[in-house]
Amino acid sequence: MADAAAIMEAAGSRFSDLELIGRGSFGNVYKGFDKELNKEVAIKVIDLEES
């Protein structure tokens, strides 16, 4: 779950409870809670070098 740690580091404390929910050919999708929007969100992490 290195991607989740990288998301948390890049976004500061905005997101919490990140959970990997899917993998695809372009990247991974995480479910998390956005503290600024006060709602659950999906975050897609795309590997730009691979795409």
PDB file of N, CA and C in Angstrom:
ATOM      1  N   MET A   1       0.831  -1.186   0.000  1.00  0.00           N
ATOM      2  CA  MET A   1       0.000   0.000   0.000  1.00  0.00           C
ATOM      3  C   MET A   1       0.879   1.255   0.000  1.00  0.00           C
ATOM      4  N   ALA A   2       1.974   1.209  -0.731  1.00  0.00           N
ATOM      5  CA  ALA A   2       2.881   2.342  -0.827  1.00  0.00           C
ATOM      6  C   ALA A   2       2.203   3.528  -1.497  1.00  0.00           C
ATOM      7  N   ASP A   3       1.311   3.284  -2.464  1.00  0.00           N
ATOM      8  CA  ASP A   3       0.590   4.371  -3.130  1.00  0.00           C
ATOM      9  C   ASP A   3      -0.275   5.132  -2.137  1.00  0.00           C
ATOM     10  N   ALA A   4      -0.932   4.426  -1.253  1.00  0.00           N
ATOM     11  CA  ALA A   4      -1.787   5.079  -0.258  1.00  0.00           C
ATOM     12  C   ALA A   4      -0.952   5.982   0.637  1.00  0.00           C
ATOM     13  N   ALA A   5       0.216   5.529   1.029  1.00  0.00           N
ATOM     14  CA  ALA A   5       1.100   6.346   1.861  1.00  0.00           C
ATOM     15  C   ALA A   5       1.555   7.577   1.093  1.00  0.00           C
ATOM     16  N   ALA A   6       1.832   7.427  -0.200  1.00  0.00           N
ATOM     17  CA  ALA A   6       2.248   8.557  -1.022  1.00  0.00           C
ATOM     18  C   ALA A   6       1.116   9.570  -1.182  1.00  0.00           C
ATOM     19  N   ILE A   7      -0.119   9.087  -1.325  1.00  0.00           N
ATOM     20  CA  ILE A   7      -1.277   9.987  -1.423  1.00  0.00           C
ATOM     21  C   ILE A   7      -1.419  10.778  -0.134  1.00  0.00           C
ATOM     22  N   MET A   8      -1.343  10.088   0.981  1.00  0.00           N
ATOM     23  CA  MET A   8      -1.488  10.734   2.284  1.00  0.00           C
ATOM     24  C   MET A   8      -0.402  11.798   2.468  1.00  0.00           C
ATOM     25  N   GLU A   9       0.817  11.485   2.064  1.00  0.00           N
ATOM     26  CA  GLU A   9       1.923  12.434   2.212  1.00  0.00           C
ATOM     27  C   GLU A   9       1.718  13.647   1.303  1.00  0.00           C
ATOM     28  N   ALA A  10       1.318  13.407   0.064  1.00  0.00           N
ATOM     29  CA  ALA A  10       1.138  14.501  -0.894  1.00  0.00           C
ATOM     30  C   ALA A  10      -0.030  15.407  -0.528  1.00  0.00           C
ATOM     31  N   ALA A  11      -1.078  14.850   0.014  1.00  0.00           N
ATOM     32  CA  ALA A  11      -2.281  15.627   0.322  1.00  0.00           C
ATOM     33  C   ALA A  11      -2.319  16.116   1.757  1.00  0.00           C
ATOM     34  N   GLY A  12      -1.275  15.877   2.493  1.00  0.00           N
ATOM     35  CA  GLY A  12      -1.275  16.296   3.891  1.00  0.00           C
ATOM     36  C   GLY A  12      -2.256  15.475   4.685  1.00  0.00           C
ATOM     37  N   SER A  13      -3.076  16.128   5.474  1.00  0.00           N
ATOM     38  CA  SER A  13      -4.036  15.399   6.299  1.00  0.00           C
ATOM     39  C   SER A  13      -5.448  15.489   5.725  1.00  0.00           C
ATOM     40  N   ARG A  14      -5.567  15.780   4.436  1.00  0.00           N
ATOM     41  CA  ARG A  14      -6.902  15.940   3.839  1.00  0.00           C
ATOM     42  C   ARG A  14      -7.670  14.635   3.767  1.00  0.00           C
ATOM     43  N   PHE A  15      -6.994  13.526   3.434  1.00  0.00           N
ATOM     44  CA  PHE A  15      -7.668  12.241   3.257  1.00  0.00           C
ATOM     45  C   PHE A  15      -7.361  11.300   4.413  1.00  0.00           C
ATOM     46  N   SER A  16      -8.341  10.466   4.737  1.00  0.00           N
ATOM     47  CA  SER A  16      -8.119   9.439   5.761  1.00  0.00           C
ATOM     48  C   SER A  16      -8.814   8.156   5.312  1.00  0.00           C
ATOM     49  N   ASP A  17      -8.519   7.084   5.995  1.00  0.00           N
ATOM     50  CA  ASP A  17      -9.165   5.785   5.762  1.00  0.00           C
ATOM     51  C   ASP A  17      -9.028   5.303   4.320  1.00  0.00           C
ATOM     52  N   LEU A  18      -7.844   5.460   3.721  1.00  0.00           N
ATOM     53  CA  LEU A  18      -7.652   5.021   2.341  1.00  0.00           C
ATOM     54  C   LEU A  18      -7.642   3.504   2.253  1.00  0.00           C
ATOM     55  N   GLU A  19      -8.365   2.996   1.270  1.00  0.00           N
ATOM     56  CA  GLU A  19      -8.491   1.547   1.068  1.00  0.00           C
ATOM     57  C   GLU A  19      -8.458   1.274  -0.432  1.00  0.00           C
ATOM     58  N   LEU A  20      -7.591   0.379  -0.861  1.00  0.00           N
ATOM     59  CA  LEU A  20      -7.508  -0.011  -2.262  1.00  0.00           C
ATOM     60  C   LEU A  20      -8.783  -0.751  -2.648  1.00  0.00           C
ATOM     61  N   ILE A  21      -9.475  -0.259  -3.685  1.00  0.00           N
ATOM     62  CA  ILE A  21     -10.725  -0.915  -4.102  1.00  0.00           C
ATOM     63  C   ILE A  21     -10.662  -1.439  -5.528  1.00  0.00           C
ATOM     64  N   GLY A  22      -9.603  -1.097  -6.282  1.00  0.00           N
ATOM     65  CA  GLY A  22      -9.523  -1.599  -7.640  1.00  0.00           C
ATOM     66  C   GLY A  22      -8.173  -1.365  -8.277  1.00  0.00           C
ATOM     67  N   ARG A  23      -7.850  -2.223  -9.238  1.00  0.00           N
ATOM     68  CA  ARG A  23      -6.612  -2.096 -10.004  1.00  0.00           C
ATOM     69  C   ARG A  23      -6.976  -2.184 -11.474  1.00  0.00           C
ATOM     70  N   GLY A  24      -6.332  -1.358 -12.275  1.00  0.00           N
ATOM     71  CA  GLY A  24      -6.593  -1.384 -13.705  1.00  0.00           C
ATOM     72  C   GLY A  24      -5.303  -1.219 -14.485  1.00  0.00           C
ATOM     73  N   SER A  25      -5.429  -1.137 -15.785  1.00  0.00           N
ATOM     74  CA  SER A  25      -4.238  -1.047 -16.620  1.00  0.00           C
ATOM     75  C   SER A  25      -3.550   0.312 -16.498  1.00  0.00           C
ATOM     76  N   PHE A  26      -4.271   1.334 -16.070  1.00  0.00           N
ATOM     77  CA  PHE A  26      -3.674   2.660 -15.933  1.00  0.00           C
ATOM     78  C   PHE A  26      -3.306   3.025 -14.501  1.00  0.00           C
ATOM     79  N   GLY A  27      -3.781   2.287 -13.517  1.00  0.00           N
ATOM     80  CA  GLY A  27      -3.447   2.621 -12.139  1.00  0.00           C
ATOM     81  C   GLY A  27      -4.356   1.947 -11.135  1.00  0.00           C
ATOM     82  N   ASN A  28      -4.293   2.436  -9.914  1.00  0.00           N
ATOM     83  CA  ASN A  28      -5.069   1.894  -8.807  1.00  0.00           C
ATOM     84  C   ASN A  28      -6.125   2.905  -8.359  1.00  0.00           C
ATOM     85  N   VAL A  29      -7.223   2.390  -7.803  1.00  0.00           N
ATOM     86  CA  VAL A  29      -8.296   3.248  -7.296  1.00  0.00           C
ATOM     87  C   VAL A  29      -8.443   2.992  -5.799  1.00  0.00           C
ATOM     88  N   TYR A  30      -8.495   4.088  -5.056  1.00  0.00           N
ATOM     89  CA  TYR A  30      -8.632   4.020  -3.608  1.00  0.00           C
ATOM     90  C   TYR A  30      -9.922   4.699  -3.183  1.00  0.00           C
ATOM     91  N   LYS A  31     -10.532   4.172  -2.133  1.00  0.00           N
ATOM     92  CA  LYS A  31     -11.668   4.817  -1.482  1.00  0.00           C
ATOM     93  C   LYS A  31     -11.113   5.479  -0.237  1.00  0.00           C
ATOM     94  N   GLY A  32     -11.555   6.693   0.019  1.00  0.00           N
ATOM     95  CA  GLY A  32     -11.087   7.394   1.210  1.00  0.00           C
ATOM     96  C   GLY A  32     -12.094   8.439   1.641  1.00  0.00           C
ATOM     97  N   PHE A  33     -11.786   9.086   2.730  1.00  0.00           N
ATOM     98  CA  PHE A  33     -12.650  10.141   3.249  1.00  0.00           C
ATOM     99  C   PHE A  33     -11.933  11.471   3.097  1.00  0.00           C
ATOM    100  N   ASP A  34     -12.580  12.420   2.405  1.00  0.00           N
ATOM    101  CA  ASP A  34     -12.040  13.758   2.188  1.00  0.00           C
ATOM    102  C   ASP A  34     -12.550  14.650   3.317  1.00  0.00           C
ATOM    103  N   LYS A  35     -11.654  15.071   4.183  1.00  0.00           N
ATOM    104  CA  LYS A  35     -12.046  15.863   5.346  1.00  0.00           C
ATOM    105  C   LYS A  35     -12.512  17.267   4.968  1.00  0.00           C
ATOM    106  N   GLU A  36     -12.010  17.812   3.845  1.00  0.00           N
ATOM    107  CA  GLU A  36     -12.436  19.145   3.422  1.00  0.00           C
ATOM    108  C   GLU A  36     -13.849  19.128   2.846  1.00  0.00           C
ATOM    109  N   LEU A  37     -14.182  18.092   2.085  1.00  0.00           N
ATOM    110  CA  LEU A  37     -15.517  17.969   1.501  1.00  0.00           C
ATOM    111  C   LEU A  37     -16.495  17.278   2.442  1.00  0.00           C
ATOM    112  N   ASN A  38     -15.948  16.607   3.450  1.00  0.00           N
ATOM    113  CA  ASN A  38     -16.747  15.872   4.434  1.00  0.00           C
ATOM    114  C   ASN A  38     -17.563  14.760   3.766  1.00  0.00           C
ATOM    115  N   LYS A  39     -16.903  14.014   2.849  1.00  0.00           N
ATOM    116  CA  LYS A  39     -17.587  12.904   2.190  1.00  0.00           C
ATOM    117  C   LYS A  39     -16.576  11.877   1.698  1.00  0.00           C
ATOM    118  N   GLU A  40     -17.105  10.680   1.388  1.00  0.00           N
ATOM    119  CA  GLU A  40     -16.266   9.633   0.812  1.00  0.00           C
ATOM    120  C   GLU A  40     -15.979   9.960  -0.652  1.00  0.00           C
ATOM    121  N   VAL A  41     -14.760   9.658  -1.074  1.00  0.00           N
ATOM    122  CA  VAL A  41     -14.339   9.931  -2.445  1.00  0.00           C
ATOM    123  C   VAL A  41     -13.583   8.730  -2.989  1.00  0.00           C
ATOM    124  N   ALA A  42     -13.464   8.699  -4.313  1.00  0.00           N
ATOM    125  CA  ALA A  42     -12.614   7.723  -4.985  1.00  0.00           C
ATOM    126  C   ALA A  42     -11.421   8.489  -5.548  1.00  0.00           C
ATOM    127  N   ILE A  43     -10.241   7.920  -5.389  1.00  0.00           N
ATOM    128  CA  ILE A  43      -9.016   8.553  -5.861  1.00  0.00           C
ATOM    129  C   ILE A  43      -8.314   7.577  -6.786  1.00  0.00           C
ATOM    130  N   LYS A  44      -8.121   7.996  -8.026  1.00  0.00           N
ATOM    131  CA  LYS A  44      -7.421   7.139  -8.988  1.00  0.00           C
ATOM    132  C   LYS A  44      -5.984   7.629  -9.102  1.00  0.00           C
ATOM    133  N   VAL A  45      -5.045   6.723  -8.897  1.00  0.00           N
ATOM    134  CA  VAL A  45      -3.622   7.028  -8.986  1.00  0.00           C
ATOM    135  C   VAL A  45      -3.105   6.417 -10.278  1.00  0.00           C
ATOM    136  N   ILE A  46      -2.697   7.284 -11.208  1.00  0.00           N
ATOM    137  CA  ILE A  46      -2.237   6.849 -12.519  1.00  0.00           C
ATOM    138  C   ILE A  46      -0.723   6.874 -12.576  1.00  0.00           C
ATOM    139  N   ASP A  47      -0.132   5.790 -13.047  1.00  0.00           N
ATOM    140  CA  ASP A  47       1.311   5.723 -13.242  1.00  0.00           C
ATOM    141  C   ASP A  47       1.605   6.352 -14.610  1.00  0.00           C
ATOM    142  N   LEU A  48       2.071   7.581 -14.634  1.00  0.00           N
ATOM    143  CA  LEU A  48       2.288   8.305 -15.882  1.00  0.00           C
ATOM    144  C   LEU A  48       3.408   7.698 -16.726  1.00  0.00           C
ATOM    145  N   GLU A  49       4.337   7.039 -16.075  1.00  0.00           N
ATOM    146  CA  GLU A  49       5.422   6.402 -16.824  1.00  0.00           C
ATOM    147  C   GLU A  49       4.945   5.170 -17.569  1.00  0.00           C
ATOM    148  N   GLU A  50       3.955   4.485 -17.047  1.00  0.00           N
ATOM    149  CA  GLU A  50       3.440   3.261 -17.654  1.00  0.00           C
ATOM    150  C   GLU A  50       2.334   3.528 -18.678  1.00  0.00           C
ATOM    151  N   SER A  51       1.629   4.659 -18.558  1.00  0.00           N
ATOM    152  CA  SER A  51       0.462   4.886 -19.422  1.00  0.00           C
ATOM    153  C   SER A  51       0.802   5.478 -20.757  1.00  0.00           C
TER     154      SER A  51
END
